[in-house]
Each structure stands twice: as C-alpha cells, then as structure tokens.
Amino acid sequence: SIRDLLAGQSVKVTITGSAGLGVADAAGIDFVQEVYATAAAVNTYIPDTDAVIELGGEERKIIFFGGALEERMNGSCAGGTGAFIDQMATLMNVTVNELDELSLKHEKIYPIASRCGVFAKSDIQPILNQGGRKEDVAASIFQAVVDQTVAGLTQGRELKGKIVFLGGPLHFLMGLRERFVETLKLDGDHAVFPEDGDCFAAMGAALCATDYSPAPFETVLKKLEDSAAATTVVDTMPPLFTSQAEYDEFAARHNASRPPEADISTYAGPAYLGMDAGSTTT
C-alpha cells in the first residue's frame, strides 16, 4: 500500500481541485490552482497540445496553449457539466452508464438547452411525451453539453490543432466523446483521450509539488486525517422556527384556513378547476 511504501520517508504534497482549497486550508498543506496543475501535466506528457477541454462534476473549462496560457471556465452555474448529466439521467430514470449506452444507438439529435437543468427538462419532457426515442434524447443531452462548452467558452476563438479531452465525464462516457469529435470534426490525430484523463489535474499537482518543501509522510498523513474532523463556521440565516411549539402554532394557524373538501362523486353545484402550468410539470 502507499502507506507502507512511503513510511519513514519525506514527501512533497500539493492539493488541487475545486474542493481542494478547503482541504488544503484545513490540513495546512500547499495548494496549487487546478488550471496550472492541468497545464503542468499536459505540457509534460502531451507537449504539442493546442487546447484542452476538461469537464468535471461542477466545472467545465477550455485551456488554450501556444504563447501565453489562456483559460476559459464556466461561472457559478453547473449547466453542461457532470452534475447536469447526472440530473438528466435521473430525469430519464436511467443510470449515467445506461444513458451513455443509449446515446450510442441514436438516430437523430434534438435541440436541447443545457445552460440550466430546468430549461433542459422543458425541452426533454415533451419529446418523451410525444414518443421520442430515449436513445435520441440521450445523444441530444450529450450534444447539448458539447454545444454549451464550445459556444460558451470559446467565445469566438477557433478550436483547432491537437485537442486533449480531460475530466471524468469525458473519460468514462463514450457517447459524450463521440459528440465532441463529430462536432469539432476531429480525426484520430487531433482528438486525444489520455488513458489517465480523469487524473491529469492530480498528476499535475504532483509535478508542481517539486517546488514545495518536503515533510515526513506520517506528518502529512496526520494533517489530512485531522482535517477531516475540522469544522468551519459560516454565516447562516436565522431558523424559521426556534422551537417545536412555534412550528405547531404556525401549522395550526395555516391549516385552519384550508378550504373545505367534498366528495367529487356526490357533489352537485358549481365547480372550478385550477391549473398550475410550470416549466417542467403541470
């Protein structure tokens, strides 16, 4: 195991990733920004790369190489990322792996919004209701991710040359990879899917660790273990109710204002129907 292999030795450790900063702060371990870590790995292992497209669980980014490093990343919305794909798989009542398998059997592509899961559901639900094939919808979901990534992040800059695809979704989902390759019209020499594409940021963090000071392995391990129990204080809004009695009073007050109910099978007289047409359900 790694514990046995490194016991008694000095190690250099850095942490990266969207959740890595919090872990690094809690453990007192050096942190390296994810873009720099990814760039370090790409420059080391695939040095003739022109651009990187990386999809994560909550982030998507494009890094342009050649001259000054240029990076484009989505904002606070996770549309078009792994979280979006998970949400769409749940909507279709399949696993992500099943969604991928379905997409490989598609016959047509539907236009689907991917900026927001709510809008995507608004596009998908009518297609399914009208008898659209799940295979076509699955491929359309992946195509929406491609369109959102390319149109939203390139901002008019051309994607050309050798493009490396990284991150978990692109590493595990063959259908998503297929949609990127077809959309960007890439051949085998210009679409690169590394065997360790889901780990490139971590590999880059290891390369960047050479610039930091070493520490005993046991010390680093204890810092990480202790950080798991660390708690942080964040600002929160006050609770709606400070006690069970307050909630009971609230519930009683509102339940007293409920309209009376009648058995529709025996009711006679005027009746009115209310309809709530939402963005995804009615």
Protein backbone atom coordinates (compact mmCIF):
# COMPACT_ATOMS: atom_id res chain seq x y z
CA SER A 1 0.00 0.00 0.00
CA ILE A 2 1.02 3.66 -0.30
CA ARG A 3 1.20 3.87 3.50
CA ASP A 4 3.75 1.05 3.62
CA LEU A 5 5.64 2.31 0.57
CA LEU A 6 6.17 5.83 1.96
CA ALA A 7 6.55 5.02 5.66
CA GLY A 8 9.54 6.84 7.15
CA GLN A 9 10.17 8.91 4.02
CA SER A 10 9.90 12.62 3.27
CA VAL A 11 7.29 13.60 0.70
CA LYS A 12 6.22 16.71 -1.19
CA VAL A 13 2.45 17.04 -1.39
CA THR A 14 0.16 19.58 -3.03
CA ILE A 15 -3.61 19.52 -3.36
CA THR A 16 -5.69 20.77 -6.29
CA GLY A 17 -9.31 20.71 -7.46
CA SER A 18 -12.48 22.69 -6.78
CA ALA A 19 -12.81 21.20 -3.30
CA GLY A 20 -9.07 21.03 -2.75
CA LEU A 21 -8.63 24.57 -1.44
CA GLY A 22 -10.79 23.87 1.60
CA VAL A 23 -8.96 20.61 2.30
CA ALA A 24 -5.57 22.29 1.86
CA ASP A 25 -6.51 25.12 4.24
CA ALA A 26 -7.90 22.74 6.86
CA ALA A 27 -4.85 20.45 6.68
CA GLY A 28 -2.19 23.15 6.29
CA ILE A 29 -0.94 21.59 3.04
CA ASP A 30 0.16 23.50 -0.05
CA PHE A 31 -2.45 24.15 -2.74
CA VAL A 32 -1.95 24.57 -6.50
CA GLN A 33 -4.62 26.07 -8.74
CA GLU A 34 -6.28 23.44 -10.94
CA VAL A 35 -5.55 25.17 -14.25
CA TYR A 36 -1.83 25.33 -13.51
CA ALA A 37 -1.81 21.72 -12.35
CA THR A 38 -3.57 20.56 -15.51
CA ALA A 39 -1.27 22.65 -17.71
CA ALA A 40 1.79 21.20 -15.99
CA ALA A 41 0.64 17.64 -16.71
CA VAL A 42 -0.29 18.40 -20.32
CA ASN A 43 2.99 20.21 -21.04
CA THR A 44 4.89 17.25 -19.56
CA TYR A 45 3.06 14.30 -21.11
CA ILE A 46 1.47 15.77 -24.28
CA PRO A 47 3.72 18.76 -25.04
CA ASP A 48 2.40 19.52 -28.54
CA THR A 49 -1.15 20.19 -27.31
CA ASP A 50 -3.02 23.19 -28.75
CA ALA A 51 -6.04 23.15 -26.44
CA VAL A 52 -7.58 21.22 -23.54
CA ILE A 53 -11.28 20.65 -22.99
CA GLU A 54 -11.98 19.48 -19.45
CA LEU A 55 -15.33 18.60 -17.92
CA GLY A 56 -15.73 17.99 -14.21
CA GLY A 57 -18.62 17.43 -11.87
CA GLU A 58 -19.32 21.15 -11.44
CA GLU A 59 -16.92 22.89 -13.82
CA ARG A 60 -16.06 22.93 -17.49
CA LYS A 61 -13.05 24.68 -18.91
CA ILE A 62 -11.03 25.19 -22.07
CA ILE A 63 -7.30 25.91 -21.86
CA PHE A 64 -5.54 27.30 -24.92
CA PHE A 65 -1.80 26.62 -25.25
CA GLY A 66 0.72 28.31 -27.51
CA GLY A 67 2.19 31.57 -26.26
CA ALA A 68 0.53 32.79 -23.07
CA LEU A 69 -1.71 30.26 -21.34
CA GLU A 70 -5.37 31.24 -21.75
CA GLU A 71 -8.16 29.63 -19.78
CA ARG A 72 -11.95 29.91 -20.06
CA MET A 73 -14.21 28.50 -17.33
CA ASN A 74 -17.93 28.47 -16.56
CA GLY A 75 -19.26 30.66 -13.78
CA SER A 76 -21.34 29.64 -10.79
CA CYS A 77 -23.83 27.56 -12.82
CA ALA A 78 -23.09 23.85 -13.28
CA GLY A 79 -25.04 23.62 -16.55
CA GLY A 80 -23.25 21.49 -19.12
CA THR A 81 -21.11 19.65 -16.55
CA GLY A 82 -21.15 16.24 -14.92
CA ALA A 83 -23.81 17.41 -12.47
CA PHE A 84 -26.05 18.33 -15.41
CA ILE A 85 -25.57 14.87 -16.95
CA ASP A 86 -26.43 13.23 -13.61
CA GLN A 87 -29.60 15.32 -13.41
CA MET A 88 -30.67 14.39 -16.93
CA ALA A 89 -30.04 10.68 -16.28
CA THR A 90 -32.29 10.92 -13.22
CA LEU A 91 -34.98 12.61 -15.31
CA MET A 92 -34.88 9.70 -17.76
CA ASN A 93 -34.84 7.16 -14.92
CA VAL A 94 -31.56 5.57 -16.02
CA THR A 95 -28.02 5.46 -14.68
CA VAL A 96 -25.32 7.60 -16.28
CA ASN A 97 -23.77 4.45 -17.78
CA GLU A 98 -27.14 3.47 -19.26
CA LEU A 99 -27.53 6.99 -20.64
CA ASP A 100 -24.16 6.59 -22.34
CA GLU A 101 -25.12 3.22 -23.84
CA LEU A 102 -28.41 4.64 -25.12
CA SER A 103 -26.66 7.57 -26.80
CA LEU A 104 -24.51 5.25 -28.90
CA LYS A 105 -27.68 3.93 -30.60
CA HIS A 106 -29.15 7.30 -31.57
CA GLU A 107 -30.61 8.11 -34.98
CA LYS A 108 -31.28 11.84 -34.65
CA ILE A 109 -30.38 14.82 -32.47
CA TYR A 110 -32.93 17.15 -30.85
CA PRO A 111 -32.07 20.73 -29.82
CA ILE A 112 -31.89 20.80 -26.02
CA ALA A 113 -30.87 23.65 -23.73
CA SER A 114 -28.02 22.83 -21.36
CA ARG A 115 -27.41 26.17 -19.64
CA CYS A 116 -29.92 25.20 -16.97
CA GLY A 117 -31.36 21.86 -15.93
CA VAL A 118 -34.85 23.36 -15.68
CA PHE A 119 -34.79 24.52 -19.30
CA ALA A 120 -33.38 21.18 -20.42
CA LYS A 121 -36.24 19.37 -18.70
CA SER A 122 -38.66 21.67 -20.52
CA ASP A 123 -37.16 20.51 -23.82
CA ILE A 124 -36.83 16.83 -22.95
CA GLN A 125 -40.19 16.10 -21.33
CA PRO A 126 -42.31 16.98 -24.40
CA ILE A 127 -40.04 14.85 -26.61
CA LEU A 128 -40.52 11.84 -24.34
CA ASN A 129 -44.26 12.52 -24.02
CA GLN A 130 -44.58 12.52 -27.80
CA GLY A 131 -42.87 9.14 -28.12
CA GLY A 132 -39.32 10.28 -28.83
CA ARG A 133 -36.72 7.51 -28.56
CA LYS A 134 -34.67 7.52 -25.38
CA GLU A 135 -31.60 6.79 -27.49
CA ASP A 136 -32.08 10.04 -29.41
CA VAL A 137 -32.75 12.04 -26.25
CA ALA A 138 -29.62 10.62 -24.59
CA ALA A 139 -27.42 11.65 -27.51
CA SER A 140 -29.15 15.04 -27.60
CA ILE A 141 -28.26 15.59 -23.94
CA PHE A 142 -24.59 14.97 -24.71
CA GLN A 143 -24.82 17.22 -27.77
CA ALA A 144 -26.24 19.97 -25.55
CA VAL A 145 -23.17 19.66 -23.30
CA VAL A 146 -20.91 19.94 -26.35
CA ASP A 147 -22.74 22.99 -27.69
CA GLN A 148 -22.71 24.72 -24.31
CA THR A 149 -18.99 24.05 -23.85
CA VAL A 150 -17.90 25.10 -27.32
CA ALA A 151 -20.19 28.10 -27.78
CA GLY A 152 -20.00 29.29 -24.19
CA LEU A 153 -16.26 29.01 -23.61
CA THR A 154 -14.52 29.56 -26.95
CA GLN A 155 -16.18 32.98 -27.27
CA GLY A 156 -15.39 33.08 -30.96
CA ARG A 157 -11.87 31.64 -30.73
CA GLU A 158 -11.31 28.73 -33.09
CA LEU A 159 -10.67 25.28 -31.66
CA LYS A 160 -8.08 23.68 -33.91
CA GLY A 161 -4.95 21.55 -33.81
CA LYS A 162 -4.43 18.80 -31.25
CA ILE A 163 -7.12 18.90 -28.58
CA VAL A 164 -6.81 16.90 -25.36
CA PHE A 165 -10.02 15.88 -23.58
CA LEU A 166 -9.84 15.52 -19.79
CA GLY A 167 -12.08 15.01 -16.78
CA GLY A 168 -14.35 12.26 -15.51
CA PRO A 169 -17.32 12.69 -17.89
CA LEU A 170 -15.08 12.66 -20.97
CA HIS A 171 -13.04 9.77 -19.60
CA PHE A 172 -15.98 7.47 -18.88
CA LEU A 173 -18.70 8.45 -21.37
CA MET A 174 -18.03 7.20 -24.88
CA GLY A 175 -21.16 8.86 -26.26
CA LEU A 176 -20.06 12.27 -24.99
CA ARG A 177 -16.64 11.82 -26.54
CA GLU A 178 -18.27 10.87 -29.84
CA ARG A 179 -20.38 14.05 -29.85
CA PHE A 180 -17.31 16.25 -29.27
CA VAL A 181 -15.30 14.56 -32.01
CA GLU A 182 -18.11 14.79 -34.57
CA THR A 183 -19.00 18.38 -33.70
CA LEU A 184 -15.41 19.62 -33.89
CA LYS A 185 -14.69 17.41 -36.93
CA LEU A 186 -11.54 15.93 -35.39
CA ASP A 187 -9.61 12.92 -36.64
CA GLY A 188 -7.66 10.44 -34.54
CA ASP A 189 -4.50 12.55 -34.62
CA HIS A 190 -6.21 15.67 -33.29
CA ALA A 191 -8.60 14.24 -30.68
CA VAL A 192 -6.60 12.90 -27.73
CA PHE A 193 -8.22 11.00 -24.87
CA PRO A 194 -5.42 10.08 -22.42
CA GLU A 195 -5.67 6.80 -20.55
CA ASP A 196 -5.44 8.73 -17.26
CA GLY A 197 -7.60 11.63 -18.43
CA ASP A 198 -9.58 11.66 -15.20
CA CYS A 199 -6.39 12.11 -13.15
CA PHE A 200 -4.42 14.74 -15.08
CA ALA A 201 -5.02 17.51 -12.54
CA ALA A 202 -3.72 15.26 -9.75
CA MET A 203 -0.73 14.29 -11.88
CA GLY A 204 -0.03 17.97 -12.46
CA ALA A 205 -0.29 18.66 -8.74
CA ALA A 206 2.37 16.01 -8.16
CA LEU A 207 4.61 17.69 -10.75
CA CYS A 208 4.08 21.09 -9.12
CA ALA A 209 4.92 19.64 -5.70
CA THR A 210 8.61 19.67 -6.61
CA ASP A 211 8.59 23.43 -5.94
CA TYR A 212 7.49 22.99 -2.32
CA SER A 213 9.23 21.87 0.86
CA PRO A 214 9.26 18.19 1.87
CA ALA A 215 7.72 16.87 5.07
CA PRO A 216 7.66 13.46 6.79
CA PHE A 217 4.96 11.26 5.29
CA GLU A 218 3.47 10.49 8.72
CA THR A 219 3.16 14.23 9.44
CA VAL A 220 1.34 14.91 6.17
CA LEU A 221 -0.95 11.92 6.71
CA LYS A 222 -1.86 13.06 10.23
CA LYS A 223 -2.66 16.56 8.94
CA LEU A 224 -5.05 15.07 6.39
CA GLU A 225 -6.68 12.77 8.94
CA ASP A 226 -7.09 15.60 11.47
CA SER A 227 -8.56 17.92 8.83
CA ALA A 228 -11.45 15.50 8.29
CA ALA A 229 -12.70 16.31 11.78
CA ALA A 230 -12.20 20.07 11.44
CA THR A 231 -15.30 22.25 11.47
CA THR A 232 -15.74 25.64 9.86
CA VAL A 233 -18.07 28.44 10.88
CA VAL A 234 -20.11 30.04 8.13
CA ASP A 235 -22.77 32.74 8.18
CA THR A 236 -26.28 31.33 8.11
CA MET A 237 -29.77 32.75 8.10
CA PRO A 238 -31.83 32.52 11.30
CA PRO A 239 -34.13 29.48 11.54
CA LEU A 240 -37.77 29.83 10.53
CA PHE A 241 -38.85 28.43 13.89
CA THR A 242 -36.91 28.50 17.15
CA SER A 243 -38.91 25.69 18.76
CA GLN A 244 -41.34 22.90 18.00
CA ALA A 245 -44.07 24.93 19.69
CA GLU A 246 -43.58 27.78 17.21
CA TYR A 247 -43.89 25.36 14.30
CA ASP A 248 -47.00 23.73 15.76
CA GLU A 249 -48.60 27.16 16.17
CA PHE A 250 -47.73 28.05 12.56
CA ALA A 251 -49.13 24.77 11.22
CA ALA A 252 -52.36 25.12 13.21
CA ARG A 253 -52.87 28.70 12.01
CA HIS A 254 -52.42 27.82 8.35
CA ASN A 255 -54.38 24.57 8.47
CA ALA A 256 -57.34 26.50 9.90
CA SER A 257 -57.52 28.50 6.66
CA ARG A 258 -57.71 25.49 4.34
CA PRO A 259 -60.80 25.36 2.09
CA PRO A 260 -63.35 22.64 2.84
CA GLU A 261 -63.14 19.37 0.92
CA ALA A 262 -66.05 17.46 -0.62
CA ASP A 263 -66.51 14.07 -2.26
CA ILE A 264 -66.47 14.80 -6.00
CA SER A 265 -68.54 11.70 -6.76
CA THR A 266 -71.52 13.06 -4.79
CA TYR A 267 -71.03 16.83 -5.15
CA ALA A 268 -73.64 18.84 -7.06
CA GLY A 269 -73.35 22.51 -7.97
CA PRO A 270 -70.81 24.92 -9.49
CA ALA A 271 -67.21 23.63 -9.59
CA TYR A 272 -63.96 25.35 -10.55
CA LEU A 273 -60.67 23.87 -11.74
CA GLY A 274 -57.30 25.49 -11.03
CA MET A 275 -54.27 24.61 -13.15
CA ASP A 276 -50.60 25.30 -12.37
CA ALA A 277 -48.52 25.09 -15.57
CA GLY A 278 -44.88 25.11 -14.50
CA SER A 279 -41.70 24.98 -16.54
CA THR A 280 -41.38 21.20 -16.32
CA THR A 281 -44.63 19.90 -14.82
CA THR A 282 -48.34 20.74 -14.99
